[in-house]
Amino acid sequence: MDGSVVFHFFRTWSAFSRDGDRAMVNLPCHDRTRLSARDPPVVHPDGLAVFSPKINLPPQPGPVVNEVVGFTLAKDQLSTLKHISGGDGVSTFSAVSAHLWQCMCLARNLPPDATTQLMFSANVRRIMRPPLPDGYFGNAIINLSVGDKAHAIASRELSYIARRIRDTHRRVNDELVHSAIDYLELAKRDDERPATGNLPVTDIRVVSWLGMPSYDADFSWGRPLAMFRAEPNRGGFVHLIDSAQGDGSVRIIMSIEAAILSEFKRLLYAKFNMLYSKF
């Protein structure tokens, strides 16, 4: 299941715990036929340009630090970052992801000609035609990726990187979704297991939980004070989550190599402050 389903589950669970039989809940839809592969499966060649079929997680030496404290961008900082990244035509996700990708390339000091990737997910519930039913209980996301040379990401304006992310997301349509499903059907193996480990040091994966009801799980004790990931650290993974205070800020939860943690934190804020001082 995906993030939308996780929060649907927590809201339903907490509603029954809080209100018992009086709980008002949205029933889940378990009909998986809409996301079945076509017969025969057909993969549109254009889809492979943006669809990331598999996440490679090779073993990574050295400790991985899960850093939470201090990784927050305030509402006014986000506004400035979006302005620099292209203004109203760029989402908060695209602007923040572009900034994180650039900072990561610089902190890791990647070889200039190395190929680096930003991976992210697209929720296809409203993209499919017709849209999936409300309350669809399953995994309704596909993985996308944007790639470039490390020197390009490290040196280009944030507006260029943010547009690349935005335009990749805009290419997702009903046909690409079905091509992704059909690709997975063709590539399916009986011995395939969930991937574990860390991303290659050239790559970063950003997961957006922005706009999710992260703090609505009231079990009768009040709203949660904080929400964190519980799974083991995986290097290169980043989650964007709204602040519990409802003040428009964004929390950045990420797993990052211990060797570059200090430099990444410096770049995240020093570079941002430099951009902010121009406006």
C-alpha atoms as a PDB file:
ATOM      1  CA  MET A   1       0.000   0.000   0.000  1.00  0.00           C
ATOM      2  CA  ASP A   2       1.061   3.608  -0.473  1.00  0.00           C
ATOM      3  CA  GLY A   3       1.063   6.698   1.740  1.00  0.00           C
ATOM      4  CA  SER A   4      -2.563   7.625   1.008  1.00  0.00           C
ATOM      5  CA  VAL A   5      -3.671   4.218   2.244  1.00  0.00           C
ATOM      6  CA  VAL A   6      -1.451   4.344   5.330  1.00  0.00           C
ATOM      7  CA  PHE A   7      -3.100   7.554   6.511  1.00  0.00           C
ATOM      8  CA  HIS A   8      -6.572   6.265   5.569  1.00  0.00           C
ATOM      9  CA  PHE A   9      -5.893   3.262   7.810  1.00  0.00           C
ATOM     10  CA  PHE A  10      -4.668   5.390  10.735  1.00  0.00           C
ATOM     11  CA  ARG A  11      -7.641   7.759  10.469  1.00  0.00           C
ATOM     12  CA  THR A  12     -10.093   4.834  10.418  1.00  0.00           C
ATOM     13  CA  TRP A  13      -8.380   3.002  13.260  1.00  0.00           C
ATOM     14  CA  SER A  14      -8.245   6.108  15.434  1.00  0.00           C
ATOM     15  CA  ALA A  15     -11.887   6.990  14.644  1.00  0.00           C
ATOM     16  CA  PHE A  16     -13.108   3.592  15.897  1.00  0.00           C
ATOM     17  CA  SER A  17     -10.834   3.818  18.942  1.00  0.00           C
ATOM     18  CA  ARG A  18     -12.144   7.302  19.733  1.00  0.00           C
ATOM     19  CA  ASP A  19     -15.841   7.063  18.808  1.00  0.00           C
ATOM     20  CA  GLY A  20     -16.647   3.344  18.743  1.00  0.00           C
ATOM     21  CA  ASP A  21     -19.809   2.468  16.809  1.00  0.00           C
ATOM     22  CA  ARG A  22     -20.514   6.189  16.263  1.00  0.00           C
ATOM     23  CA  ALA A  23     -17.366   6.598  14.165  1.00  0.00           C
ATOM     24  CA  MET A  24     -17.827   8.229  10.765  1.00  0.00           C
ATOM     25  CA  VAL A  25     -15.412   6.548   8.359  1.00  0.00           C
ATOM     26  CA  ASN A  26     -14.829   6.253   4.630  1.00  0.00           C
ATOM     27  CA  LEU A  27     -14.966   2.605   3.660  1.00  0.00           C
ATOM     28  CA  PRO A  28     -11.973   1.262   1.698  1.00  0.00           C
ATOM     29  CA  CYS A  29     -12.276  -0.007  -1.867  1.00  0.00           C
ATOM     30  CA  HIS A  30     -10.436  -3.305  -2.392  1.00  0.00           C
ATOM     31  CA  ASP A  31     -11.198  -3.765  -6.099  1.00  0.00           C
ATOM     32  CA  ARG A  32      -7.750  -4.251  -7.678  1.00  0.00           C
ATOM     33  CA  THR A  33      -8.958  -4.973 -11.214  1.00  0.00           C
ATOM     34  CA  ARG A  34      -8.393  -1.375 -12.366  1.00  0.00           C
ATOM     35  CA  LEU A  35      -4.657  -1.800 -11.832  1.00  0.00           C
ATOM     36  CA  SER A  36      -4.404  -5.182 -13.546  1.00  0.00           C
ATOM     37  CA  ALA A  37      -2.114  -5.635 -16.532  1.00  0.00           C
ATOM     38  CA  ARG A  38      -3.631  -5.587 -20.005  1.00  0.00           C
ATOM     39  CA  ASP A  39      -3.894  -8.744 -22.078  1.00  0.00           C
ATOM     40  CA  PRO A  40      -1.542  -8.766 -23.833  1.00  0.00           C
ATOM     41  CA  PRO A  41       0.729  -6.349 -21.928  1.00  0.00           C
ATOM     42  CA  VAL A  42       1.850  -3.352 -23.995  1.00  0.00           C
ATOM     43  CA  VAL A  43       4.670  -1.013 -22.973  1.00  0.00           C
ATOM     44  CA  HIS A  44       4.702   2.340 -24.753  1.00  0.00           C
ATOM     45  CA  PRO A  45       8.350   3.227 -25.588  1.00  0.00           C
ATOM     46  CA  ASP A  46       7.934   6.844 -24.417  1.00  0.00           C
ATOM     47  CA  GLY A  47       7.009   5.603 -20.963  1.00  0.00           C
ATOM     48  CA  LEU A  48      10.451   4.173 -20.280  1.00  0.00           C
ATOM     49  CA  ALA A  49      11.946   7.675 -20.579  1.00  0.00           C
ATOM     50  CA  VAL A  50      10.335   8.737 -17.283  1.00  0.00           C
ATOM     51  CA  PHE A  51       9.175   5.519 -15.613  1.00  0.00           C
ATOM     52  CA  SER A  52      11.727   4.098 -13.168  1.00  0.00           C
ATOM     53  CA  PRO A  53      10.947   0.374 -13.192  1.00  0.00           C
ATOM     54  CA  LYS A  54      13.271  -0.737 -10.399  1.00  0.00           C
ATOM     55  CA  ILE A  55      15.028   0.919  -7.474  1.00  0.00           C
ATOM     56  CA  ASN A  56      18.613  -0.293  -7.201  1.00  0.00           C
ATOM     57  CA  LEU A  57      19.748  -0.603  -3.573  1.00  0.00           C
ATOM     58  CA  PRO A  58      23.319  -1.945  -3.500  1.00  0.00           C
ATOM     59  CA  PRO A  59      25.174  -2.448  -0.191  1.00  0.00           C
ATOM     60  CA  GLN A  60      26.791   0.771   1.029  1.00  0.00           C
ATOM     61  CA  PRO A  61      29.817   0.860   3.334  1.00  0.00           C
ATOM     62  CA  GLY A  62      29.892   3.129   6.345  1.00  0.00           C
ATOM     63  CA  PRO A  63      27.228   4.192   8.837  1.00  0.00           C
ATOM     64  CA  VAL A  64      23.990   5.874   7.753  1.00  0.00           C
ATOM     65  CA  VAL A  65      22.615   8.619   9.980  1.00  0.00           C
ATOM     66  CA  ASN A  66      18.890   9.333  10.125  1.00  0.00           C
ATOM     67  CA  GLU A  67      18.834  13.094  10.656  1.00  0.00           C
ATOM     68  CA  VAL A  68      15.658  14.907  11.695  1.00  0.00           C
ATOM     69  CA  VAL A  69      16.559  17.820  13.970  1.00  0.00           C
ATOM     70  CA  GLY A  70      17.168  21.083  12.150  1.00  0.00           C
ATOM     71  CA  PHE A  71      15.875  20.003   8.761  1.00  0.00           C
ATOM     72  CA  THR A  72      12.969  22.405   8.493  1.00  0.00           C
ATOM     73  CA  LEU A  73      12.147  25.056   5.904  1.00  0.00           C
ATOM     74  CA  ALA A  74       9.830  27.793   7.156  1.00  0.00           C
ATOM     75  CA  LYS A  75       6.919  29.141   5.124  1.00  0.00           C
ATOM     76  CA  ASP A  76       8.733  32.319   4.071  1.00  0.00           C
ATOM     77  CA  GLN A  77      11.815  30.329   3.117  1.00  0.00           C
ATOM     78  CA  LEU A  78       9.681  28.028   0.969  1.00  0.00           C
ATOM     79  CA  SER A  79       8.114  31.030  -0.753  1.00  0.00           C
ATOM     80  CA  THR A  80      11.534  32.410  -1.617  1.00  0.00           C
ATOM     81  CA  LEU A  81      12.760  29.027  -2.794  1.00  0.00           C
ATOM     82  CA  LYS A  82       9.719  28.621  -5.051  1.00  0.00           C
ATOM     83  CA  HIS A  83      10.229  32.120  -6.445  1.00  0.00           C
ATOM     84  CA  ILE A  84      13.840  31.323  -7.327  1.00  0.00           C
ATOM     85  CA  SER A  85      12.783  27.976  -8.802  1.00  0.00           C
ATOM     86  CA  GLY A  86      10.221  29.398 -11.207  1.00  0.00           C
ATOM     87  CA  GLY A  87       7.422  31.045  -9.274  1.00  0.00           C
ATOM     88  CA  ASP A  88       3.793  29.938  -9.298  1.00  0.00           C
ATOM     89  CA  GLY A  89       4.400  27.386 -12.044  1.00  0.00           C
ATOM     90  CA  VAL A  90       6.536  25.236  -9.718  1.00  0.00           C
ATOM     91  CA  SER A  91       5.202  23.223  -6.794  1.00  0.00           C
ATOM     92  CA  THR A  92       6.706  23.143  -3.322  1.00  0.00           C
ATOM     93  CA  PHE A  93       7.746  19.549  -4.010  1.00  0.00           C
ATOM     94  CA  SER A  94       9.626  20.440  -7.215  1.00  0.00           C
ATOM     95  CA  ALA A  95      11.392  23.426  -5.623  1.00  0.00           C
ATOM     96  CA  VAL A  96      12.474  21.597  -2.465  1.00  0.00           C
ATOM     97  CA  SER A  97      13.485  18.451  -4.379  1.00  0.00           C
ATOM     98  CA  ALA A  98      15.612  20.500  -6.789  1.00  0.00           C
ATOM     99  CA  HIS A  99      17.373  22.182  -3.866  1.00  0.00           C
ATOM    100  CA  LEU A 100      17.971  18.878  -2.045  1.00  0.00           C
ATOM    101  CA  TRP A 101      19.280  17.183  -5.196  1.00  0.00           C
ATOM    102  CA  GLN A 102      21.739  19.983  -5.869  1.00  0.00           C
ATOM    103  CA  CYS A 103      22.938  20.089  -2.257  1.00  0.00           C
ATOM    104  CA  MET A 104      23.400  16.312  -2.242  1.00  0.00           C
ATOM    105  CA  CYS A 105      25.489  16.374  -5.438  1.00  0.00           C
ATOM    106  CA  LEU A 106      27.707  19.103  -3.979  1.00  0.00           C
ATOM    107  CA  ALA A 107      28.058  17.475  -0.557  1.00  0.00           C
ATOM    108  CA  ARG A 108      28.969  14.121  -2.079  1.00  0.00           C
ATOM    109  CA  ASN A 109      31.522  15.793  -4.369  1.00  0.00           C
ATOM    110  CA  LEU A 110      30.479  13.525  -7.241  1.00  0.00           C
ATOM    111  CA  PRO A 111      32.722  13.220 -10.324  1.00  0.00           C
ATOM    112  CA  PRO A 112      31.543  15.835 -12.859  1.00  0.00           C
ATOM    113  CA  ASP A 113      30.703  13.245 -15.531  1.00  0.00           C
ATOM    114  CA  ALA A 114      28.891  10.886 -13.159  1.00  0.00           C
ATOM    115  CA  THR A 115      25.219  10.336 -13.931  1.00  0.00           C
ATOM    116  CA  THR A 116      22.981  11.265 -11.026  1.00  0.00           C
ATOM    117  CA  GLN A 117      19.280  10.514 -10.593  1.00  0.00           C
ATOM    118  CA  LEU A 118      16.413  11.999  -8.654  1.00  0.00           C
ATOM    119  CA  MET A 119      13.627   9.485  -8.121  1.00  0.00           C
ATOM    120  CA  PHE A 120      10.125  10.257  -6.916  1.00  0.00           C
ATOM    121  CA  SER A 121       6.607   8.853  -7.050  1.00  0.00           C
ATOM    122  CA  ALA A 122       3.415   9.959  -8.788  1.00  0.00           C
ATOM    123  CA  ASN A 123       0.001   9.262  -7.276  1.00  0.00           C
ATOM    124  CA  VAL A 124      -2.100   7.980 -10.197  1.00  0.00           C
ATOM    125  CA  ARG A 125      -5.516   7.917  -8.512  1.00  0.00           C
ATOM    126  CA  ARG A 126      -6.749  11.011 -10.379  1.00  0.00           C
ATOM    127  CA  ILE A 127      -4.545  10.549 -13.441  1.00  0.00           C
ATOM    128  CA  MET A 128      -6.191   7.324 -14.591  1.00  0.00           C
ATOM    129  CA  ARG A 129      -9.252   7.515 -16.836  1.00  0.00           C
ATOM    130  CA  PRO A 130     -11.697   7.086 -15.254  1.00  0.00           C
ATOM    131  CA  PRO A 131     -10.106   7.942 -11.890  1.00  0.00           C
ATOM    132  CA  LEU A 132      -9.786   5.264  -9.238  1.00  0.00           C
ATOM    133  CA  PRO A 133     -12.644   5.158  -6.691  1.00  0.00           C
ATOM    134  CA  ASP A 134     -12.341   7.183  -3.507  1.00  0.00           C
ATOM    135  CA  GLY A 135     -10.838   5.069  -0.762  1.00  0.00           C
ATOM    136  CA  TYR A 136      -8.957   2.781  -3.162  1.00  0.00           C
ATOM    137  CA  PHE A 137      -6.910   0.600  -0.823  1.00  0.00           C
ATOM    138  CA  GLY A 138      -3.726  -0.425  -2.605  1.00  0.00           C
ATOM    139  CA  ASN A 139      -0.524   0.815  -4.152  1.00  0.00           C
ATOM    140  CA  ALA A 140      -1.541   3.477  -6.682  1.00  0.00           C
ATOM    141  CA  ILE A 141       1.821   5.109  -7.332  1.00  0.00           C
ATOM    142  CA  ILE A 142       4.445   4.705 -10.042  1.00  0.00           C
ATOM    143  CA  ASN A 143       8.118   5.547  -9.738  1.00  0.00           C
ATOM    144  CA  LEU A 144       9.576   8.290 -11.921  1.00  0.00           C
ATOM    145  CA  SER A 145      13.130   9.495 -12.390  1.00  0.00           C
ATOM    146  CA  VAL A 146      15.078  12.465 -13.752  1.00  0.00           C
ATOM    147  CA  GLY A 147      18.739  12.052 -14.647  1.00  0.00           C
ATOM    148  CA  ASP A 148      21.621  14.327 -15.607  1.00  0.00           C
ATOM    149  CA  LYS A 149      25.371  14.722 -15.232  1.00  0.00           C
ATOM    150  CA  ALA A 150      26.492  15.653 -11.739  1.00  0.00           C
ATOM    151  CA  HIS A 151      28.196  18.846 -12.917  1.00  0.00           C
ATOM    152  CA  ALA A 152      24.926  20.014 -14.528  1.00  0.00           C
ATOM    153  CA  ILE A 153      22.887  19.532 -11.355  1.00  0.00           C
ATOM    154  CA  ALA A 154      25.601  21.094  -9.195  1.00  0.00           C
ATOM    155  CA  SER A 155      26.024  24.193 -11.366  1.00  0.00           C
ATOM    156  CA  ARG A 156      22.667  24.936 -13.033  1.00  0.00           C
ATOM    157  CA  GLU A 157      20.050  27.355 -11.717  1.00  0.00           C
ATOM    158  CA  LEU A 158      17.406  25.826  -9.467  1.00  0.00           C
ATOM    159  CA  SER A 159      14.745  26.892 -11.965  1.00  0.00           C
ATOM    160  CA  TYR A 160      16.234  24.533 -14.571  1.00  0.00           C
ATOM    161  CA  ILE A 161      16.260  21.561 -12.166  1.00  0.00           C
ATOM    162  CA  ALA A 162      12.768  22.291 -10.819  1.00  0.00           C
ATOM    163  CA  ARG A 163      11.353  22.504 -14.357  1.00  0.00           C
ATOM    164  CA  ARG A 164      12.883  19.117 -15.187  1.00  0.00           C
ATOM    165  CA  ILE A 165      11.096  17.618 -12.187  1.00  0.00           C
ATOM    166  CA  ARG A 166       7.802  19.378 -12.968  1.00  0.00           C
ATOM    167  CA  ASP A 167       7.835  18.420 -16.642  1.00  0.00           C
ATOM    168  CA  THR A 168       8.562  14.770 -15.846  1.00  0.00           C
ATOM    169  CA  HIS A 169       5.541  14.639 -13.550  1.00  0.00           C
ATOM    170  CA  ARG A 170       3.360  16.317 -16.173  1.00  0.00           C
ATOM    171  CA  ARG A 171       4.163  13.585 -18.682  1.00  0.00           C
ATOM    172  CA  VAL A 172       2.329  11.006 -16.575  1.00  0.00           C
ATOM    173  CA  ASN A 173      -1.010  10.114 -18.163  1.00  0.00           C
ATOM    174  CA  ASP A 174      -3.345   7.135 -18.317  1.00  0.00           C
ATOM    175  CA  GLU A 175      -1.312   5.394 -21.038  1.00  0.00           C
ATOM    176  CA  LEU A 176       1.965   5.760 -19.134  1.00  0.00           C
ATOM    177  CA  VAL A 177       0.322   4.317 -16.013  1.00  0.00           C
ATOM    178  CA  HIS A 178      -0.914   1.264 -17.921  1.00  0.00           C
ATOM    179  CA  SER A 179       2.497   0.893 -19.606  1.00  0.00           C
ATOM    180  CA  ALA A 180       4.137   0.884 -16.165  1.00  0.00           C
ATOM    181  CA  ILE A 181       1.712  -1.783 -14.936  1.00  0.00           C
ATOM    182  CA  ASP A 182       2.294  -3.885 -18.058  1.00  0.00           C
ATOM    183  CA  TYR A 183       6.075  -3.508 -17.717  1.00  0.00           C
ATOM    184  CA  LEU A 184       5.937  -4.804 -14.160  1.00  0.00           C
ATOM    185  CA  GLU A 185       3.787  -7.717 -15.302  1.00  0.00           C
ATOM    186  CA  LEU A 186       6.314  -8.655 -17.988  1.00  0.00           C
ATOM    187  CA  ALA A 187       9.268  -8.264 -15.622  1.00  0.00           C
ATOM    188  CA  LYS A 188       7.652 -10.130 -12.734  1.00  0.00           C
ATOM    189  CA  ARG A 189       9.682 -13.036 -11.337  1.00  0.00           C
ATOM    190  CA  ASP A 190       8.545 -15.639  -8.824  1.00  0.00           C
ATOM    191  CA  ASP A 191      11.668 -15.165  -6.690  1.00  0.00           C
ATOM    192  CA  GLU A 192      11.561 -11.385  -6.616  1.00  0.00           C
ATOM    193  CA  ARG A 193      11.859  -9.949  -3.118  1.00  0.00           C
ATOM    194  CA  PRO A 194      11.487  -6.399  -1.782  1.00  0.00           C
ATOM    195  CA  ALA A 195      14.640  -4.341  -2.276  1.00  0.00           C
ATOM    196  CA  THR A 196      16.686  -3.516   0.827  1.00  0.00           C
ATOM    197  CA  GLY A 197      19.813  -1.457   1.389  1.00  0.00           C
ATOM    198  CA  ASN A 198      20.871   2.015   0.291  1.00  0.00           C
ATOM    199  CA  LEU A 199      20.657   3.915  -2.965  1.00  0.00           C
ATOM    200  CA  PRO A 200      23.846   4.413  -4.980  1.00  0.00           C
ATOM    201  CA  VAL A 201      25.752   7.494  -3.798  1.00  0.00           C
ATOM    202  CA  THR A 202      24.854   9.203  -7.085  1.00  0.00           C
ATOM    203  CA  ASP A 203      21.108   9.013  -6.450  1.00  0.00           C
ATOM    204  CA  ILE A 204      18.434  10.459  -4.196  1.00  0.00           C
ATOM    205  CA  ARG A 205      14.781   9.500  -3.754  1.00  0.00           C
ATOM    206  CA  VAL A 206      12.267  12.063  -2.469  1.00  0.00           C
ATOM    207  CA  VAL A 207       8.887  10.929  -1.142  1.00  0.00           C
ATOM    208  CA  SER A 208       6.246  13.602  -0.643  1.00  0.00           C
ATOM    209  CA  TRP A 209       3.723  13.327   2.168  1.00  0.00           C
ATOM    210  CA  LEU A 210       2.846  17.007   1.777  1.00  0.00           C
ATOM    211  CA  GLY A 211      -0.883  17.562   2.096  1.00  0.00           C
ATOM    212  CA  MET A 212      -1.411  14.170   3.734  1.00  0.00           C
ATOM    213  CA  PRO A 213      -3.502  14.011   6.943  1.00  0.00           C
ATOM    214  CA  SER A 214      -0.374  13.136   8.921  1.00  0.00           C
ATOM    215  CA  TYR A 215      -1.695  14.503  12.209  1.00  0.00           C
ATOM    216  CA  ASP A 216      -5.367  13.465  12.064  1.00  0.00           C
ATOM    217  CA  ALA A 217      -4.966  10.177  13.949  1.00  0.00           C
ATOM    218  CA  ASP A 218      -6.678  11.178  17.217  1.00  0.00           C
ATOM    219  CA  PHE A 219      -7.167   8.062  19.364  1.00  0.00           C
ATOM    220  CA  SER A 220      -8.998  10.276  21.945  1.00  0.00           C
ATOM    221  CA  TRP A 221      -5.715  11.579  23.383  1.00  0.00           C
ATOM    222  CA  GLY A 222      -5.536  14.582  21.058  1.00  0.00           C
ATOM    223  CA  ARG A 223      -3.634  15.216  17.856  1.00  0.00           C
ATOM    224  CA  PRO A 224      -0.149  13.701  17.496  1.00  0.00           C
ATOM    225  CA  LEU A 225       2.739  15.958  18.488  1.00  0.00           C
ATOM    226  CA  ALA A 226       5.070  14.436  15.910  1.00  0.00           C
ATOM    227  CA  MET A 227       5.212  11.780  13.217  1.00  0.00           C
ATOM    228  CA  PHE A 228       8.319   9.916  12.082  1.00  0.00           C
ATOM    229  CA  ARG A 229       9.299   7.037   9.849  1.00  0.00           C
ATOM    230  CA  ALA A 230       9.679   3.706  11.672  1.00  0.00           C
ATOM    231  CA  GLU A 231      11.523   1.600   9.096  1.00  0.00           C
ATOM    232  CA  PRO A 232      15.317   1.119   9.191  1.00  0.00           C
ATOM    233  CA  ASN A 233      17.510   3.774   7.622  1.00  0.00           C
ATOM    234  CA  ARG A 234      18.096   3.585   3.894  1.00  0.00           C
ATOM    235  CA  GLY A 235      20.731   5.938   2.544  1.00  0.00           C
ATOM    236  CA  GLY A 236      19.541   8.467  -0.024  1.00  0.00           C
ATOM    237  CA  PHE A 237      15.853   8.398   0.951  1.00  0.00           C
ATOM    238  CA  VAL A 238      14.108  11.672   1.820  1.00  0.00           C
ATOM    239  CA  HIS A 239      10.567  12.306   3.087  1.00  0.00           C
ATOM    240  CA  LEU A 240       8.844  15.694   3.002  1.00  0.00           C
ATOM    241  CA  ILE A 241       6.191  16.126   5.696  1.00  0.00           C
ATOM    242  CA  ASP A 242       4.073  19.095   6.741  1.00  0.00           C
ATOM    243  CA  SER A 243       4.818  20.610  10.121  1.00  0.00           C
ATOM    244  CA  ALA A 244       2.662  19.504  13.062  1.00  0.00           C
ATOM    245  CA  GLN A 245       2.171  23.183  13.981  1.00  0.00           C
ATOM    246  CA  GLY A 246       0.237  23.900  10.781  1.00  0.00           C
ATOM    247  CA  ASP A 247       2.426  26.947  10.138  1.00  0.00           C
ATOM    248  CA  GLY A 248       3.176  26.138   6.493  1.00  0.00           C
ATOM    249  CA  SER A 249       6.692  24.879   7.134  1.00  0.00           C
ATOM    250  CA  VAL A 250       8.037  21.595   5.778  1.00  0.00           C
ATOM    251  CA  ARG A 251      10.029  18.995   7.690  1.00  0.00           C
ATOM    252  CA  ILE A 252      12.738  17.076   5.843  1.00  0.00           C
ATOM    253  CA  ILE A 253      13.375  13.571   7.168  1.00  0.00           C
ATOM    254  CA  MET A 254      16.269  11.833   5.471  1.00  0.00           C
ATOM    255  CA  SER A 255      18.900   9.143   5.719  1.00  0.00           C
ATOM    256  CA  ILE A 256      22.324  10.393   4.746  1.00  0.00           C
ATOM    257  CA  GLU A 257      25.911   9.142   4.931  1.00  0.00           C
ATOM    258  CA  ALA A 258      27.603  10.199   8.145  1.00  0.00           C
ATOM    259  CA  ALA A 259      30.687  11.357   6.245  1.00  0.00           C
ATOM    260  CA  ILE A 260      28.811  14.133   4.414  1.00  0.00           C
ATOM    261  CA  LEU A 261      26.181  15.021   6.996  1.00  0.00           C
ATOM    262  CA  SER A 262      27.882  18.184   8.250  1.00  0.00           C
ATOM    263  CA  GLU A 263      28.600  19.515   4.748  1.00  0.00           C
ATOM    264  CA  PHE A 264      25.069  18.770   3.550  1.00  0.00           C
ATOM    265  CA  LYS A 265      23.550  20.683   6.468  1.00  0.00           C
ATOM    266  CA  ARG A 266      25.847  23.631   5.743  1.00  0.00           C
ATOM    267  CA  LEU A 267      24.851  23.678   2.064  1.00  0.00           C
ATOM    268  CA  LEU A 268      21.153  23.250   2.803  1.00  0.00           C
ATOM    269  CA  TYR A 269      21.003  26.471   4.803  1.00  0.00           C
ATOM    270  CA  ALA A 270      24.049  28.487   3.670  1.00  0.00           C
ATOM    271  CA  LYS A 271      23.126  28.191   0.015  1.00  0.00           C
ATOM    272  CA  PHE A 272      19.516  28.902   0.801  1.00  0.00           C
ATOM    273  CA  ASN A 273      20.376  31.975   2.827  1.00  0.00           C
ATOM    274  CA  MET A 274      22.542  33.242   0.001  1.00  0.00           C
ATOM    275  CA  LEU A 275      19.601  32.950  -2.397  1.00  0.00           C
ATOM    276  CA  TYR A 276      17.212  34.468   0.126  1.00  0.00           C
ATOM    277  CA  SER A 277      19.411  37.531   0.638  1.00  0.00           C
ATOM    278  CA  LYS A 278      18.887  38.536  -3.016  1.00  0.00           C
ATOM    279  CA  PHE A 279      15.185  39.192  -2.460  1.00  0.00           C
END
